[in-house]
């Protein structure tokens, strides 16, 4: 029987990196409940193809916009809505905390996180 994957708990962030499930990741990342992928930090359809490809596994995308919240472009919001994914922008710290809460609730969530200094 296969062992379950460890939860992708975000344990820390700052200095351009994230500590997730005990492993440091430098730069921006997209955190899914079962994996982490590097990310360019581009908040667009092209920049978030991994999220759009995971449509059946997600209900919500948190976008950690860096030090301050910025709105998500309308065309990206529409593309995500079209595949059934709601999007919530917030600063990166809030996105990390919210992701952990939703992960603990076993929600179908991902977080696109822009690294902060």
PDB file of N, CA and C in Angstrom:
ATOM      1  N   UNK A   1       0.846  -1.179   0.000  1.00  0.00           N
ATOM      2  CA  UNK A   1       0.000   0.000   0.000  1.00  0.00           C
ATOM      3  C   UNK A   1       0.889   1.240   0.000  1.00  0.00           C
ATOM      4  N   UNK A   2       0.582   2.205  -0.846  1.00  0.00           N
ATOM      5  CA  UNK A   2       1.384   3.422  -0.956  1.00  0.00           C
ATOM      6  C   UNK A   2       1.174   4.315   0.260  1.00  0.00           C
ATOM      7  N   UNK A   3       2.253   4.937   0.685  1.00  0.00           N
ATOM      8  CA  UNK A   3       2.177   5.894   1.794  1.00  0.00           C
ATOM      9  C   UNK A   3       1.578   7.193   1.281  1.00  0.00           C
ATOM     10  N   UNK A   4       0.721   7.861   2.068  1.00  0.00           N
ATOM     11  CA  UNK A   4       0.195   9.157   1.623  1.00  0.00           C
ATOM     12  C   UNK A   4       1.318  10.188   1.578  1.00  0.00           C
ATOM     13  N   UNK A   5       1.185  11.110   0.635  1.00  0.00           N
ATOM     14  CA  UNK A   5       2.175  12.180   0.527  1.00  0.00           C
ATOM     15  C   UNK A   5       2.060  13.100   1.732  1.00  0.00           C
ATOM     16  N   UNK A   6       3.191  13.652   2.193  1.00  0.00           N
ATOM     17  CA  UNK A   6       3.105  14.573   3.327  1.00  0.00           C
ATOM     18  C   UNK A   6       2.364  15.836   2.906  1.00  0.00           C
ATOM     19  N   UNK A   7       1.621  16.423   3.830  1.00  0.00           N
ATOM     20  CA  UNK A   7       0.924  17.661   3.479  1.00  0.00           C
ATOM     21  C   UNK A   7       1.927  18.767   3.149  1.00  0.00           C
ATOM     22  N   UNK A   8       1.557  19.593   2.211  1.00  0.00           N
ATOM     23  CA  UNK A   8       2.429  20.679   1.759  1.00  0.00           C
ATOM     24  C   UNK A   8       2.272  21.906   2.674  1.00  0.00           C
ATOM     25  N   UNK A   9       2.486  21.732   3.954  1.00  0.00           N
ATOM     26  CA  UNK A   9       2.352  22.824   4.917  1.00  0.00           C
ATOM     27  C   UNK A   9       3.443  23.864   4.659  1.00  0.00           C
ATOM     28  N   UNK A  10       3.035  25.108   4.565  1.00  0.00           N
ATOM     29  CA  UNK A  10       3.995  26.203   4.373  1.00  0.00           C
ATOM     30  C   UNK A  10       4.464  26.618   5.766  1.00  0.00           C
ATOM     31  N   UNK A  11       5.723  26.342   6.045  1.00  0.00           N
ATOM     32  CA  UNK A  11       6.276  26.573   7.377  1.00  0.00           C
ATOM     33  C   UNK A  11       6.942  27.936   7.526  1.00  0.00           C
ATOM     34  N   UNK A  12       7.310  28.547   6.416  1.00  0.00           N
ATOM     35  CA  UNK A  12       7.947  29.849   6.490  1.00  0.00           C
ATOM     36  C   UNK A  12       8.172  30.435   5.111  1.00  0.00           C
ATOM     37  N   UNK A  13       8.397  31.751   5.090  1.00  0.00           N
ATOM     38  CA  UNK A  13       8.661  32.437   3.830  1.00  0.00           C
ATOM     39  C   UNK A  13       9.460  33.696   4.134  1.00  0.00           C
ATOM     40  N   UNK A  14      10.167  34.190   3.128  1.00  0.00           N
ATOM     41  CA  UNK A  14      10.963  35.405   3.240  1.00  0.00           C
ATOM     42  C   UNK A  14      12.347  35.175   2.673  1.00  0.00           C
ATOM     43  N   UNK A  15      13.088  36.243   2.496  1.00  0.00           N
ATOM     44  CA  UNK A  15      14.432  36.183   1.911  1.00  0.00           C
ATOM     45  C   UNK A  15      14.433  35.459   0.567  1.00  0.00           C
ATOM     46  N   UNK A  16      13.320  35.592  -0.185  1.00  0.00           N
ATOM     47  CA  UNK A  16      13.248  35.013  -1.520  1.00  0.00           C
ATOM     48  C   UNK A  16      13.005  33.519  -1.559  1.00  0.00           C
ATOM     49  N   UNK A  17      12.609  32.929  -0.420  1.00  0.00           N
ATOM     50  CA  UNK A  17      12.355  31.490  -0.427  1.00  0.00           C
ATOM     51  C   UNK A  17      11.151  31.115   0.416  1.00  0.00           C
ATOM     52  N   UNK A  18      10.736  29.870   0.261  1.00  0.00           N
ATOM     53  CA  UNK A  18       9.642  29.292   1.031  1.00  0.00           C
ATOM     54  C   UNK A  18      10.147  28.001   1.652  1.00  0.00           C
ATOM     55  N   UNK A  19       9.720  27.717   2.868  1.00  0.00           N
ATOM     56  CA  UNK A  19       9.982  26.412   3.493  1.00  0.00           C
ATOM     57  C   UNK A  19       8.635  25.698   3.539  1.00  0.00           C
ATOM     58  N   UNK A  20       8.554  24.605   2.762  1.00  0.00           N
ATOM     59  CA  UNK A  20       7.307  23.871   2.606  1.00  0.00           C
ATOM     60  C   UNK A  20       7.575  22.399   2.877  1.00  0.00           C
ATOM     61  N   UNK A  21       6.840  21.842   3.830  1.00  0.00           N
ATOM     62  CA  UNK A  21       6.990  20.427   4.205  1.00  0.00           C
ATOM     63  C   UNK A  21       8.454  20.079   4.468  1.00  0.00           C
ATOM     64  N   UNK A  22       9.171  20.999   5.106  1.00  0.00           N
ATOM     65  CA  UNK A  22      10.547  20.751   5.495  1.00  0.00           C
ATOM     66  C   UNK A  22      11.595  20.996   4.429  1.00  0.00           C
ATOM     67  N   UNK A  23      11.182  21.441   3.251  1.00  0.00           N
ATOM     68  CA  UNK A  23      12.126  21.657   2.146  1.00  0.00           C
ATOM     69  C   UNK A  23      12.091  23.124   1.730  1.00  0.00           C
ATOM     70  N   UNK A  24      13.283  23.708   1.522  1.00  0.00           N
ATOM     71  CA  UNK A  24      13.362  25.099   1.064  1.00  0.00           C
ATOM     72  C   UNK A  24      13.251  25.168  -0.455  1.00  0.00           C
ATOM     73  N   UNK A  25      12.459  26.133  -0.917  1.00  0.00           N
ATOM     74  CA  UNK A  25      12.259  26.383  -2.345  1.00  0.00           C
ATOM     75  C   UNK A  25      12.581  27.849  -2.602  1.00  0.00           C
ATOM     76  N   UNK A  26      13.562  28.109  -3.439  1.00  0.00           N
ATOM     77  CA  UNK A  26      13.955  29.480  -3.755  1.00  0.00           C
ATOM     78  C   UNK A  26      13.106  30.011  -4.893  1.00  0.00           C
ATOM     79  N   UNK A  27      12.622  31.240  -4.738  1.00  0.00           N
ATOM     80  CA  UNK A  27      11.838  31.881  -5.784  1.00  0.00           C
ATOM     81  C   UNK A  27      10.358  31.595  -5.640  1.00  0.00           C
ATOM     82  N   UNK A  28       9.599  32.113  -6.583  1.00  0.00           N
ATOM     83  CA  UNK A  28       8.146  31.965  -6.572  1.00  0.00           C
ATOM     84  C   UNK A  28       7.756  30.522  -6.892  1.00  0.00           C
ATOM     85  N   UNK A  29       6.641  30.071  -6.302  1.00  0.00           N
ATOM     86  CA  UNK A  29       6.191  28.692  -6.462  1.00  0.00           C
ATOM     87  C   UNK A  29       4.671  28.624  -6.553  1.00  0.00           C
ATOM     88  N   UNK A  30       4.194  27.522  -7.100  1.00  0.00           N
ATOM     89  CA  UNK A  30       2.774  27.179  -7.010  1.00  0.00           C
ATOM     90  C   UNK A  30       2.702  25.938  -6.135  1.00  0.00           C
ATOM     91  N   UNK A  31       1.933  26.037  -5.060  1.00  0.00           N
ATOM     92  CA  UNK A  31       1.811  24.937  -4.113  1.00  0.00           C
ATOM     93  C   UNK A  31       0.442  24.290  -4.296  1.00  0.00           C
ATOM     94  N   UNK A  32       0.459  23.027  -4.665  1.00  0.00           N
ATOM     95  CA  UNK A  32      -0.751  22.228  -4.738  1.00  0.00           C
ATOM     96  C   UNK A  32      -0.797  21.381  -3.467  1.00  0.00           C
ATOM     97  N   UNK A  33      -1.870  20.695  -3.218  1.00  0.00           N
ATOM     98  CA  UNK A  33      -1.951  19.868  -2.014  1.00  0.00           C
ATOM     99  C   UNK A  33      -0.990  18.693  -2.057  1.00  0.00           C
ATOM    100  N   UNK A  34      -0.539  18.298  -3.258  1.00  0.00           N
ATOM    101  CA  UNK A  34       0.323  17.127  -3.392  1.00  0.00           C
ATOM    102  C   UNK A  34       1.692  17.396  -4.019  1.00  0.00           C
ATOM    103  N   UNK A  35       1.954  18.644  -4.416  1.00  0.00           N
ATOM    104  CA  UNK A  35       3.238  18.941  -5.068  1.00  0.00           C
ATOM    105  C   UNK A  35       3.489  20.446  -5.097  1.00  0.00           C
ATOM    106  N   UNK A  36       4.734  20.773  -5.441  1.00  0.00           N
ATOM    107  CA  UNK A  36       5.155  22.170  -5.560  1.00  0.00           C
ATOM    108  C   UNK A  36       5.848  22.304  -6.904  1.00  0.00           C
ATOM    109  N   UNK A  37       5.497  23.350  -7.643  1.00  0.00           N
ATOM    110  CA  UNK A  37       6.165  23.591  -8.919  1.00  0.00           C
ATOM    111  C   UNK A  37       6.746  25.004  -8.922  1.00  0.00           C
ATOM    112  N   UNK A  38       7.916  25.179  -9.528  1.00  0.00           N
ATOM    113  CA  UNK A  38       8.478  26.524  -9.656  1.00  0.00           C
ATOM    114  C   UNK A  38       7.547  27.385 -10.507  1.00  0.00           C
ATOM    115  N   UNK A  39       7.587  28.687 -10.273  1.00  0.00           N
ATOM    116  CA  UNK A  39       6.696  29.599 -10.983  1.00  0.00           C
ATOM    117  C   UNK A  39       7.446  30.877 -11.316  1.00  0.00           C
ATOM    118  N   UNK A  40       7.151  31.456 -12.451  1.00  0.00           N
ATOM    119  CA  UNK A  40       7.801  32.699 -12.871  1.00  0.00           C
ATOM    120  C   UNK A  40       7.276  33.907 -12.104  1.00  0.00           C
ATOM    121  N   UNK A  41       6.116  33.772 -11.476  1.00  0.00           N
ATOM    122  CA  UNK A  41       5.481  34.903 -10.797  1.00  0.00           C
ATOM    123  C   UNK A  41       4.591  35.711 -11.711  1.00  0.00           C
ATOM    124  N   UNK A  42       4.410  35.227 -12.946  1.00  0.00           N
ATOM    125  CA  UNK A  42       3.565  35.921 -13.913  1.00  0.00           C
ATOM    126  C   UNK A  42       2.096  35.575 -13.649  1.00  0.00           C
ATOM    127  N   UNK A  43       1.314  36.587 -13.252  1.00  0.00           N
ATOM    128  CA  UNK A  43      -0.103  36.391 -12.941  1.00  0.00           C
ATOM    129  C   UNK A  43      -0.906  36.574 -14.235  1.00  0.00           C
ATOM    130  N   UNK A  44      -0.932  35.493 -15.020  1.00  0.00           N
ATOM    131  CA  UNK A  44      -1.618  35.494 -16.317  1.00  0.00           C
ATOM    132  C   UNK A  44      -1.978  34.057 -16.669  1.00  0.00           C
ATOM    133  N   UNK A  45      -2.768  33.870 -17.724  1.00  0.00           N
ATOM    134  CA  UNK A  45      -3.084  32.510 -18.184  1.00  0.00           C
ATOM    135  C   UNK A  45      -1.807  31.752 -18.524  1.00  0.00           C
ATOM    136  N   UNK A  46      -0.899  32.401 -19.252  1.00  0.00           N
ATOM    137  CA  UNK A  46       0.350  31.746 -19.642  1.00  0.00           C
ATOM    138  C   UNK A  46       1.191  31.390 -18.419  1.00  0.00           C
ATOM    139  N   UNK A  47       1.219  32.266 -17.429  1.00  0.00           N
ATOM    140  CA  UNK A  47       2.014  32.023 -16.230  1.00  0.00           C
ATOM    141  C   UNK A  47       1.427  30.976 -15.301  1.00  0.00           C
ATOM    142  N   UNK A  48       0.138  30.731 -15.448  1.00  0.00           N
ATOM    143  CA  UNK A  48      -0.533  29.791 -14.538  1.00  0.00           C
ATOM    144  C   UNK A  48      -1.095  28.575 -15.271  1.00  0.00           C
ATOM    145  N   UNK A  49      -0.396  28.117 -16.303  1.00  0.00           N
ATOM    146  CA  UNK A  49      -0.862  26.949 -17.051  1.00  0.00           C
ATOM    147  C   UNK A  49      -0.954  25.707 -16.172  1.00  0.00           C
ATOM    148  N   UNK A  50      -0.067  25.567 -15.190  1.00  0.00           N
ATOM    149  CA  UNK A  50      -0.121  24.399 -14.295  1.00  0.00           C
ATOM    150  C   UNK A  50      -1.417  24.383 -13.507  1.00  0.00           C
ATOM    151  N   UNK A  51      -1.909  25.552 -13.132  1.00  0.00           N
ATOM    152  CA  UNK A  51      -3.175  25.645 -12.390  1.00  0.00           C
ATOM    153  C   UNK A  51      -4.337  25.305 -13.317  1.00  0.00           C
ATOM    154  N   UNK A  52      -4.341  25.879 -14.495  1.00  0.00           N
ATOM    155  CA  UNK A  52      -5.419  25.607 -15.445  1.00  0.00           C
ATOM    156  C   UNK A  52      -5.455  24.128 -15.837  1.00  0.00           C
ATOM    157  N   UNK A  53      -4.300  23.488 -15.910  1.00  0.00           N
ATOM    158  CA  UNK A  53      -4.243  22.062 -16.246  1.00  0.00           C
ATOM    159  C   UNK A  53      -4.779  21.189 -15.114  1.00  0.00           C
ATOM    160  N   UNK A  54      -4.758  21.697 -13.896  1.00  0.00           N
ATOM    161  CA  UNK A  54      -5.212  20.934 -12.729  1.00  0.00           C
ATOM    162  C   UNK A  54      -6.669  21.213 -12.398  1.00  0.00           C
ATOM    163  N   UNK A  55      -7.411  21.760 -13.330  1.00  0.00           N
ATOM    164  CA  UNK A  55      -8.769  22.238 -13.082  1.00  0.00           C
ATOM    165  C   UNK A  55      -9.653  21.260 -12.328  1.00  0.00           C
ATOM    166  N   UNK A  56      -9.609  19.984 -12.649  1.00  0.00           N
ATOM    167  CA  UNK A  56     -10.505  19.015 -12.015  1.00  0.00           C
ATOM    168  C   UNK A  56     -10.175  18.802 -10.540  1.00  0.00           C
ATOM    169  N   UNK A  57      -8.966  19.142 -10.131  1.00  0.00           N
ATOM    170  CA  UNK A  57      -8.542  18.914  -8.745  1.00  0.00           C
ATOM    171  C   UNK A  57      -8.652  20.156  -7.869  1.00  0.00           C
ATOM    172  N   UNK A  58      -9.092  21.281  -8.427  1.00  0.00           N
ATOM    173  CA  UNK A  58      -9.086  22.539  -7.678  1.00  0.00           C
ATOM    174  C   UNK A  58     -10.439  23.231  -7.673  1.00  0.00           C
ATOM    175  N   UNK A  59     -10.717  23.876  -6.555  1.00  0.00           N
ATOM    176  CA  UNK A  59     -11.879  24.767  -6.450  1.00  0.00           C
ATOM    177  C   UNK A  59     -11.439  26.214  -6.257  1.00  0.00           C
ATOM    178  N   UNK A  60     -10.230  26.399  -5.687  1.00  0.00           N
ATOM    179  CA  UNK A  60      -9.788  27.730  -5.299  1.00  0.00           C
ATOM    180  C   UNK A  60      -8.300  27.901  -5.528  1.00  0.00           C
ATOM    181  N   UNK A  61      -7.926  29.051  -6.084  1.00  0.00           N
ATOM    182  CA  UNK A  61      -6.524  29.444  -6.231  1.00  0.00           C
ATOM    183  C   UNK A  61      -6.306  30.702  -5.403  1.00  0.00           C
ATOM    184  N   UNK A  62      -5.364  30.629  -4.493  1.00  0.00           N
ATOM    185  CA  UNK A  62      -4.930  31.813  -3.753  1.00  0.00           C
ATOM    186  C   UNK A  62      -3.725  32.379  -4.503  1.00  0.00           C
ATOM    187  N   UNK A  63      -3.700  33.671  -4.719  1.00  0.00           N
ATOM    188  CA  UNK A  63      -2.556  34.308  -5.372  1.00  0.00           C
ATOM    189  C   UNK A  63      -1.880  35.213  -4.353  1.00  0.00           C
ATOM    190  N   UNK A  64      -0.697  34.822  -3.945  1.00  0.00           N
ATOM    191  CA  UNK A  64       0.117  35.643  -3.054  1.00  0.00           C
ATOM    192  C   UNK A  64       0.901  36.621  -3.901  1.00  0.00           C
ATOM    193  N   UNK A  65       0.486  37.883  -3.890  1.00  0.00           N
ATOM    194  CA  UNK A  65       0.974  38.903  -4.820  1.00  0.00           C
ATOM    195  C   UNK A  65       2.273  39.581  -4.394  1.00  0.00           C
ATOM    196  N   UNK A  66       2.956  39.071  -3.392  1.00  0.00           N
ATOM    197  CA  UNK A  66       4.157  39.724  -2.899  1.00  0.00           C
ATOM    198  C   UNK A  66       3.836  40.466  -1.617  1.00  0.00           C
ATOM    199  N   UNK A  67       4.453  41.629  -1.434  1.00  0.00           N
ATOM    200  CA  UNK A  67       4.287  42.388  -0.195  1.00  0.00           C
ATOM    201  C   UNK A  67       2.907  43.017  -0.049  1.00  0.00           C
ATOM    202  N   UNK A  68       2.213  43.235  -1.146  1.00  0.00           N
ATOM    203  CA  UNK A  68       0.885  43.875  -1.084  1.00  0.00           C
ATOM    204  C   UNK A  68      -0.050  43.200  -2.086  1.00  0.00           C
ATOM    205  N   UNK A  69      -1.321  43.173  -1.745  1.00  0.00           N
ATOM    206  CA  UNK A  69      -2.334  42.580  -2.616  1.00  0.00           C
ATOM    207  C   UNK A  69      -2.504  43.437  -3.863  1.00  0.00           C
ATOM    208  N   UNK A  70      -2.664  42.771  -5.001  1.00  0.00           N
ATOM    209  CA  UNK A  70      -2.980  43.431  -6.271  1.00  0.00           C
ATOM    210  C   UNK A  70      -4.122  42.674  -6.920  1.00  0.00           C
ATOM    211  N   UNK A  71      -4.956  43.346  -7.679  1.00  0.00           N
ATOM    212  CA  UNK A  71      -6.062  42.636  -8.323  1.00  0.00           C
ATOM    213  C   UNK A  71      -5.569  41.649  -9.382  1.00  0.00           C
ATOM    214  N   UNK A  72      -6.345  40.606  -9.574  1.00  0.00           N
ATOM    215  CA  UNK A  72      -6.064  39.611 -10.613  1.00  0.00           C
ATOM    216  C   UNK A  72      -6.656  40.142 -11.920  1.00  0.00           C
ATOM    217  N   UNK A  73      -5.902  40.101 -13.017  1.00  0.00           N
ATOM    218  CA  UNK A  73      -6.435  40.578 -14.296  1.00  0.00           C
ATOM    219  C   UNK A  73      -7.759  39.887 -14.646  1.00  0.00           C
ATOM    220  N   UNK A  74      -8.675  40.644 -15.216  1.00  0.00           N
ATOM    221  CA  UNK A  74     -10.000  40.138 -15.549  1.00  0.00           C
ATOM    222  C   UNK A  74      -9.993  38.936 -16.471  1.00  0.00           C
ATOM    223  N   UNK A  75      -9.074  38.913 -17.463  1.00  0.00           N
ATOM    224  CA  UNK A  75      -9.043  37.779 -18.384  1.00  0.00           C
ATOM    225  C   UNK A  75      -8.594  36.497 -17.679  1.00  0.00           C
ATOM    226  N   UNK A  76      -7.694  36.605 -16.720  1.00  0.00           N
ATOM    227  CA  UNK A  76      -7.271  35.435 -15.959  1.00  0.00           C
ATOM    228  C   UNK A  76      -8.407  34.965 -15.048  1.00  0.00           C
ATOM    229  N   UNK A  77      -9.055  35.904 -14.384  1.00  0.00           N
ATOM    230  CA  UNK A  77     -10.188  35.567 -13.514  1.00  0.00           C
ATOM    231  C   UNK A  77     -11.260  34.818 -14.324  1.00  0.00           C
ATOM    232  N   UNK A  78     -11.548  35.298 -15.545  1.00  0.00           N
ATOM    233  CA  UNK A  78     -12.553  34.663 -16.406  1.00  0.00           C
ATOM    234  C   UNK A  78     -12.111  33.264 -16.848  1.00  0.00           C
ATOM    235  N   UNK A  79     -10.838  33.103 -17.188  1.00  0.00           N
ATOM    236  CA  UNK A  79     -10.331  31.791 -17.616  1.00  0.00           C
ATOM    237  C   UNK A  79     -10.421  30.776 -16.482  1.00  0.00           C
ATOM    238  N   UNK A  80     -10.085  31.212 -15.275  1.00  0.00           N
ATOM    239  CA  UNK A  80     -10.177  30.319 -14.120  1.00  0.00           C
ATOM    240  C   UNK A  80     -11.636  29.983 -13.810  1.00  0.00           C
ATOM    241  N   UNK A  81     -12.495  30.981 -13.855  1.00  0.00           N
ATOM    242  CA  UNK A  81     -13.921  30.753 -13.597  1.00  0.00           C
ATOM    243  C   UNK A  81     -14.501  29.765 -14.601  1.00  0.00           C
ATOM    244  N   UNK A  82     -14.057  29.859 -15.853  1.00  0.00           N
ATOM    245  CA  UNK A  82     -14.553  28.981 -16.916  1.00  0.00           C
ATOM    246  C   UNK A  82     -14.284  27.504 -16.609  1.00  0.00           C
ATOM    247  N   UNK A  83     -13.183  27.212 -15.904  1.00  0.00           N
ATOM    248  CA  UNK A  83     -12.872  25.819 -15.548  1.00  0.00           C
ATOM    249  C   UNK A  83     -13.248  25.502 -14.095  1.00  0.00           C
ATOM    250  N   UNK A  84     -14.005  26.406 -13.456  1.00  0.00           N
ATOM    251  CA  UNK A  84     -14.527  26.123 -12.124  1.00  0.00           C
ATOM    252  C   UNK A  84     -13.615  26.459 -10.967  1.00  0.00           C
ATOM    253  N   UNK A  85     -12.623  27.307 -11.204  1.00  0.00           N
ATOM    254  CA  UNK A  85     -11.687  27.690 -10.136  1.00  0.00           C
ATOM    255  C   UNK A  85     -11.926  29.140  -9.749  1.00  0.00           C
ATOM    256  N   UNK A  86     -12.235  29.377  -8.475  1.00  0.00           N
ATOM    257  CA  UNK A  86     -12.331  30.735  -7.952  1.00  0.00           C
ATOM    258  C   UNK A  86     -10.919  31.210  -7.631  1.00  0.00           C
ATOM    259  N   UNK A  87     -10.699  32.516  -7.660  1.00  0.00           N
ATOM    260  CA  UNK A  87      -9.372  33.060  -7.365  1.00  0.00           C
ATOM    261  C   UNK A  87      -9.485  34.165  -6.333  1.00  0.00           C
ATOM    262  N   UNK A  88      -8.532  34.158  -5.386  1.00  0.00           N
ATOM    263  CA  UNK A  88      -8.492  35.178  -4.336  1.00  0.00           C
ATOM    264  C   UNK A  88      -7.083  35.742  -4.242  1.00  0.00           C
ATOM    265  N   UNK A  89      -6.895  37.011  -4.607  1.00  0.00           N
ATOM    266  CA  UNK A  89      -5.581  37.624  -4.444  1.00  0.00           C
ATOM    267  C   UNK A  89      -5.409  38.159  -3.026  1.00  0.00           C
ATOM    268  N   UNK A  90      -4.190  38.123  -2.534  1.00  0.00           N
ATOM    269  CA  UNK A  90      -3.848  38.676  -1.218  1.00  0.00           C
ATOM    270  C   UNK A  90      -2.336  38.803  -1.151  1.00  0.00           C
ATOM    271  N   UNK A  91      -1.817  39.410  -0.109  1.00  0.00           N
ATOM    272  CA  UNK A  91      -0.359  39.466  -0.008  1.00  0.00           C
ATOM    273  C   UNK A  91       0.156  38.047   0.257  1.00  0.00           C
ATOM    274  N   UNK A  92       1.429  37.817  -0.004  1.00  0.00           N
ATOM    275  CA  UNK A  92       1.992  36.475   0.086  1.00  0.00           C
ATOM    276  C   UNK A  92       1.859  35.878   1.484  1.00  0.00           C
ATOM    277  N   UNK A  93       2.096  36.668   2.519  1.00  0.00           N
ATOM    278  CA  UNK A  93       1.972  36.145   3.887  1.00  0.00           C
ATOM    279  C   UNK A  93       0.570  35.645   4.174  1.00  0.00           C
ATOM    280  N   UNK A  94      -0.428  36.427   3.801  1.00  0.00           N
ATOM    281  CA  UNK A  94      -1.824  36.023   4.017  1.00  0.00           C
ATOM    282  C   UNK A  94      -2.155  34.777   3.196  1.00  0.00           C
ATOM    283  N   UNK A  95      -1.631  34.686   1.984  1.00  0.00           N
ATOM    284  CA  UNK A  95      -1.890  33.514   1.144  1.00  0.00           C
ATOM    285  C   UNK A  95      -1.284  32.254   1.766  1.00  0.00           C
ATOM    286  N   UNK A  96      -0.095  32.372   2.336  1.00  0.00           N
ATOM    287  CA  UNK A  96       0.535  31.215   3.004  1.00  0.00           C
ATOM    288  C   UNK A  96      -0.316  30.746   4.181  1.00  0.00           C
ATOM    289  N   UNK A  97      -0.733  31.676   5.022  1.00  0.00           N
ATOM    290  CA  UNK A  97      -1.547  31.317   6.196  1.00  0.00           C
ATOM    291  C   UNK A  97      -2.894  30.723   5.775  1.00  0.00           C
ATOM    292  N   UNK A  98      -3.533  31.341   4.792  1.00  0.00           N
ATOM    293  CA  UNK A  98      -4.838  30.864   4.335  1.00  0.00           C
ATOM    294  C   UNK A  98      -4.717  29.477   3.708  1.00  0.00           C
ATOM    295  N   UNK A  99      -3.670  29.260   2.912  1.00  0.00           N
ATOM    296  CA  UNK A  99      -3.449  27.944   2.306  1.00  0.00           C
ATOM    297  C   UNK A  99      -3.358  26.871   3.385  1.00  0.00           C
ATOM    298  N   UNK A 100      -2.591  27.131   4.440  1.00  0.00           N
ATOM    299  CA  UNK A 100      -2.432  26.139   5.506  1.00  0.00           C
ATOM    300  C   UNK A 100      -3.762  25.803   6.175  1.00  0.00           C
ATOM    301  N   UNK A 101      -4.587  26.819   6.415  1.00  0.00           N
ATOM    302  CA  UNK A 101      -5.900  26.582   7.028  1.00  0.00           C
ATOM    303  C   UNK A 101      -6.770  25.732   6.107  1.00  0.00           C
ATOM    304  N   UNK A 102      -6.815  26.102   4.831  1.00  0.00           N
ATOM    305  CA  UNK A 102      -7.649  25.368   3.877  1.00  0.00           C
ATOM    306  C   UNK A 102      -7.120  23.951   3.643  1.00  0.00           C
ATOM    307  N   UNK A 103      -5.811  23.784   3.670  1.00  0.00           N
ATOM    308  CA  UNK A 103      -5.209  22.459   3.550  1.00  0.00           C
ATOM    309  C   UNK A 103      -5.634  21.580   4.730  1.00  0.00           C
ATOM    310  N   UNK A 104      -5.617  22.142   5.929  1.00  0.00           N
ATOM    311  CA  UNK A 104      -6.042  21.403   7.122  1.00  0.00           C
ATOM    312  C   UNK A 104      -7.517  21.002   7.036  1.00  0.00           C
ATOM    313  N   UNK A 105      -8.307  21.813   6.340  1.00  0.00           N
ATOM    314  CA  UNK A 105      -9.728  21.503   6.144  1.00  0.00           C
ATOM    315  C   UNK A 105      -9.962  20.566   4.954  1.00  0.00           C
ATOM    316  N   UNK A 106      -8.852  20.109   4.341  1.00  0.00           N
ATOM    317  CA  UNK A 106      -8.891  19.211   3.188  1.00  0.00           C
ATOM    318  C   UNK A 106      -9.644  19.806   1.999  1.00  0.00           C
ATOM    319  N   UNK A 107      -9.486  21.108   1.815  1.00  0.00           N
ATOM    320  CA  UNK A 107     -10.103  21.801   0.679  1.00  0.00           C
ATOM    321  C   UNK A 107      -9.268  21.584  -0.574  1.00  0.00           C
ATOM    322  N   UNK A 108      -9.883  21.741  -1.714  1.00  0.00           N
ATOM    323  CA  UNK A 108      -9.214  21.600  -3.019  1.00  0.00           C
ATOM    324  C   UNK A 108      -8.656  22.963  -3.414  1.00  0.00           C
ATOM    325  N   UNK A 109      -7.446  23.248  -2.947  1.00  0.00           N
ATOM    326  CA  UNK A 109      -6.861  24.575  -3.054  1.00  0.00           C
ATOM    327  C   UNK A 109      -5.435  24.491  -3.588  1.00  0.00           C
ATOM    328  N   UNK A 110      -5.008  25.573  -4.219  1.00  0.00           N
ATOM    329  CA  UNK A 110      -3.609  25.754  -4.610  1.00  0.00           C
ATOM    330  C   UNK A 110      -3.253  27.197  -4.291  1.00  0.00           C
ATOM    331  N   UNK A 111      -1.950  27.456  -4.161  1.00  0.00           N
ATOM    332  CA  UNK A 111      -1.482  28.820  -3.907  1.00  0.00           C
ATOM    333  C   UNK A 111      -0.340  29.150  -4.852  1.00  0.00           C
ATOM    334  N   UNK A 112      -0.504  30.211  -5.610  1.00  0.00           N
ATOM    335  CA  UNK A 112       0.546  30.756  -6.466  1.00  0.00           C
ATOM    336  C   UNK A 112       1.197  31.869  -5.667  1.00  0.00           C
ATOM    337  N   UNK A 113       2.456  31.671  -5.255  1.00  0.00           N
ATOM    338  CA  UNK A 113       3.097  32.558  -4.284  1.00  0.00           C
ATOM    339  C   UNK A 113       4.303  33.266  -4.866  1.00  0.00           C
ATOM    340  N   UNK A 114       4.243  34.584  -4.909  1.00  0.00           N
ATOM    341  CA  UNK A 114       5.389  35.388  -5.326  1.00  0.00           C
ATOM    342  C   UNK A 114       6.311  35.538  -4.130  1.00  0.00           C
ATOM    343  N   UNK A 115       7.568  35.188  -4.311  1.00  0.00           N
ATOM    344  CA  UNK A 115       8.552  35.270  -3.222  1.00  0.00           C
ATOM    345  C   UNK A 115       8.746  36.723  -2.782  1.00  0.00           C
ATOM    346  N   UNK A 116       8.926  36.891  -1.491  1.00  0.00           N
ATOM    347  CA  UNK A 116       9.169  38.218  -0.923  1.00  0.00           C
ATOM    348  C   UNK A 116      10.548  38.242  -0.275  1.00  0.00           C
ATOM    349  N   UNK A 117      11.143  39.447  -0.258  1.00  0.00           N
ATOM    350  CA  UNK A 117      12.478  39.633   0.313  1.00  0.00           C
ATOM    351  C   UNK A 117      12.498  39.495   1.755  1.00  0.00           C
TER     352      UNK A 117
END
